[in-house]
Amino acid sequence: MAAVHCRGKTHTFINIPVLSRRRDTVSAILVVEDEEPIQELIKEYLSPLKVDIYQARSGEEGVTLYRELMDKGTRPDLVVMDLKLPGIDGVKTTRRIMEIDSDANIYGFTAYFGTEWSKELREAGAKGVIARPVGFEGFRDIVDRILKGEEI
């Protein structure tokens, strides 16, 4: 287990192994999130990591964009998945992306951390679920560790 301290609170996470990722090139991150303010905050907080961020506002758009990126030879190093999405939810979106790429590196970033719904996301193929209360600075630190191939 790992503890992350953010804004005076301690958040505990289970160690989750991830595949080693190269950092000699710019990493590609697909963010599947329907709320524009959250999309913009994610983009702002991840910008210091020197990553290319691709944004999808629905599950269907996320699946389509993942496929398009793969077709162009740009396999996302990380997919950040919300659970509550218009159309198909994050669980179904994760399943569909896993059908395209069984090695997809998907992590939930949701307020529904610790629920049955987040458990279903893991069962669908997500490597883990990051609790939204960790805040965006804590989120950036976790994403950086994932991209470096560290356990979180």
Protein backbone atom coordinates (compact mmCIF):
# COMPACT_ATOMS: atom_id res chain seq x y z
CA MET A 1 0.00 0.00 0.00
CA ALA A 2 1.04 3.56 -0.63
CA ALA A 3 -0.08 6.69 1.12
CA VAL A 4 -0.49 10.00 -0.66
CA HIS A 5 -0.73 13.19 1.36
CA CYS A 6 -2.78 15.96 -0.15
CA ARG A 7 -4.19 19.06 1.50
CA GLY A 8 -3.54 17.77 4.99
CA LYS A 9 -5.23 14.41 4.40
CA THR A 10 -3.73 11.00 3.85
CA HIS A 11 -5.13 8.78 1.09
CA THR A 12 -4.16 5.11 0.98
CA PHE A 13 -3.85 3.16 -2.26
CA ILE A 14 -3.30 -0.49 -3.00
CA ASN A 15 -0.08 -1.22 -4.92
CA ILE A 16 -0.99 -1.95 -8.50
CA PRO A 17 1.65 -3.28 -10.88
CA VAL A 18 1.87 -1.53 -14.22
CA LEU A 19 3.71 -2.32 -17.39
CA SER A 20 6.98 -0.47 -17.80
CA ARG A 21 6.62 2.53 -20.09
CA ARG A 22 9.32 4.35 -22.01
CA ARG A 23 9.74 8.02 -21.14
CA ASP A 24 12.18 8.91 -23.95
CA THR A 25 9.25 10.10 -26.08
CA VAL A 26 6.21 12.19 -25.28
CA SER A 27 3.52 10.08 -23.64
CA ALA A 28 0.00 10.05 -25.02
CA ILE A 29 -2.90 10.21 -22.58
CA LEU A 30 -6.55 9.75 -23.52
CA VAL A 31 -8.92 11.37 -21.03
CA VAL A 32 -12.52 10.13 -21.18
CA GLU A 33 -14.47 12.63 -19.09
CA ASP A 34 -17.76 14.37 -19.89
CA GLU A 35 -17.36 17.40 -17.63
CA GLU A 36 -15.47 20.14 -19.46
CA PRO A 37 -14.16 21.84 -16.27
CA ILE A 38 -12.66 18.51 -15.13
CA GLN A 39 -11.15 17.97 -18.60
CA GLU A 40 -9.54 21.40 -18.43
CA LEU A 41 -8.21 20.85 -14.90
CA ILE A 42 -6.71 17.51 -15.92
CA LYS A 43 -5.10 19.14 -18.95
CA GLU A 44 -3.73 22.01 -16.84
CA TYR A 45 -2.33 19.82 -14.08
CA LEU A 46 -0.80 17.25 -16.43
CA SER A 47 0.85 19.84 -18.71
CA PRO A 48 4.11 19.90 -16.64
CA LEU A 49 4.53 16.19 -17.48
CA LYS A 50 5.08 17.05 -21.17
CA VAL A 51 2.35 14.73 -22.45
CA ASP A 52 0.00 14.81 -25.40
CA ILE A 53 -3.56 14.81 -24.10
CA TYR A 54 -6.45 13.59 -26.21
CA GLN A 55 -9.93 14.36 -24.92
CA ALA A 56 -13.19 12.45 -25.29
CA ARG A 57 -16.47 13.67 -23.79
CA SER A 58 -18.36 10.36 -23.94
CA GLY A 59 -17.68 6.66 -23.81
CA GLU A 60 -18.45 6.21 -27.50
CA GLU A 61 -16.10 9.06 -28.40
CA GLY A 62 -13.41 7.52 -26.19
CA VAL A 63 -13.64 4.16 -27.97
CA THR A 64 -13.57 5.83 -31.39
CA LEU A 65 -10.62 8.04 -30.47
CA TYR A 66 -8.67 5.11 -28.99
CA ARG A 67 -9.17 3.16 -32.23
CA GLU A 68 -8.17 6.18 -34.36
CA LEU A 69 -5.02 6.72 -32.30
CA MET A 70 -4.08 3.05 -32.63
CA ASP A 71 -4.66 3.22 -36.40
CA LYS A 72 -2.27 6.21 -36.57
CA GLY A 73 0.39 4.34 -34.56
CA THR A 74 -0.15 6.42 -31.41
CA ARG A 75 -1.10 3.89 -28.76
CA PRO A 76 -2.17 5.80 -25.63
CA ASP A 77 0.26 5.20 -22.77
CA LEU A 78 -2.60 5.85 -20.36
CA VAL A 79 -6.37 6.17 -20.49
CA VAL A 80 -7.98 8.18 -17.70
CA MET A 81 -11.57 6.98 -17.40
CA ASP A 82 -14.52 8.52 -15.60
CA LEU A 83 -17.30 6.16 -14.57
CA LYS A 84 -20.37 8.34 -15.08
CA LEU A 85 -20.52 9.20 -18.77
CA PRO A 86 -23.33 9.99 -21.19
CA GLY A 87 -24.28 7.02 -23.37
CA ILE A 88 -22.15 4.07 -22.34
CA ASP A 89 -20.57 4.33 -18.89
CA GLY A 90 -16.89 3.96 -18.02
CA VAL A 91 -17.21 0.21 -17.40
CA LYS A 92 -18.62 -0.49 -20.87
CA THR A 93 -16.14 1.93 -22.44
CA THR A 94 -13.28 0.11 -20.73
CA ARG A 95 -14.56 -3.25 -21.99
CA ARG A 96 -14.74 -1.93 -25.56
CA ILE A 97 -11.24 -0.44 -25.41
CA MET A 98 -9.92 -3.73 -24.00
CA GLU A 99 -11.47 -5.49 -27.01
CA ILE A 100 -9.41 -3.20 -29.27
CA ASP A 101 -6.22 -3.49 -27.19
CA SER A 102 -6.00 -6.07 -24.40
CA ASP A 103 -2.88 -4.29 -23.10
CA ALA A 104 -4.59 -0.91 -22.72
CA ASN A 105 -3.42 0.93 -19.60
CA ILE A 106 -6.70 2.24 -18.16
CA TYR A 107 -7.18 3.88 -14.78
CA GLY A 108 -10.41 5.25 -13.39
CA PHE A 109 -10.40 8.78 -11.97
CA THR A 110 -13.73 9.13 -10.25
CA ALA A 111 -15.65 10.26 -7.21
CA TYR A 112 -17.14 6.73 -7.16
CA PHE A 113 -13.90 5.22 -5.80
CA GLY A 114 -14.55 2.33 -3.44
CA THR A 115 -18.00 1.50 -4.82
CA GLU A 116 -19.27 -1.62 -6.53
CA TRP A 117 -19.21 0.40 -9.73
CA SER A 118 -15.46 1.06 -9.41
CA LYS A 119 -14.96 -2.66 -8.71
CA GLU A 120 -16.74 -3.39 -12.01
CA LEU A 121 -14.33 -1.00 -13.74
CA ARG A 122 -11.39 -3.05 -12.47
CA GLU A 123 -13.10 -6.27 -13.54
CA ALA A 124 -13.60 -4.76 -17.02
CA GLY A 125 -9.84 -4.33 -17.37
CA ALA A 126 -8.84 -1.11 -15.63
CA LYS A 127 -5.50 -1.40 -13.80
CA GLY A 128 -6.79 0.68 -10.92
CA VAL A 129 -9.06 3.45 -9.75
CA ILE A 130 -7.77 6.78 -8.49
CA ALA A 131 -10.03 8.53 -6.00
CA ARG A 132 -10.99 12.02 -7.11
CA PRO A 133 -10.58 13.38 -3.55
CA VAL A 134 -6.80 12.95 -4.00
CA GLY A 135 -6.99 16.30 -5.78
CA PHE A 136 -5.40 17.31 -9.05
CA GLU A 137 -1.85 17.71 -7.73
CA GLY A 138 -2.03 14.24 -6.20
CA PHE A 139 -3.54 12.96 -9.44
CA ARG A 140 -0.64 14.43 -11.44
CA ASP A 141 1.88 12.74 -9.14
CA ILE A 142 0.12 9.39 -9.53
CA VAL A 143 -0.05 9.76 -13.32
CA ASP A 144 3.66 10.58 -13.40
CA ARG A 145 4.39 7.41 -11.43
CA ILE A 146 2.19 5.32 -13.75
CA LEU A 147 3.98 6.70 -16.82
CA LYS A 148 7.34 5.91 -15.24
CA GLY A 149 6.20 2.31 -14.69
CA GLU A 150 6.15 2.60 -10.90
CA GLU A 151 3.63 0.86 -8.69
CA ILE A 152 0.94 3.01 -7.15
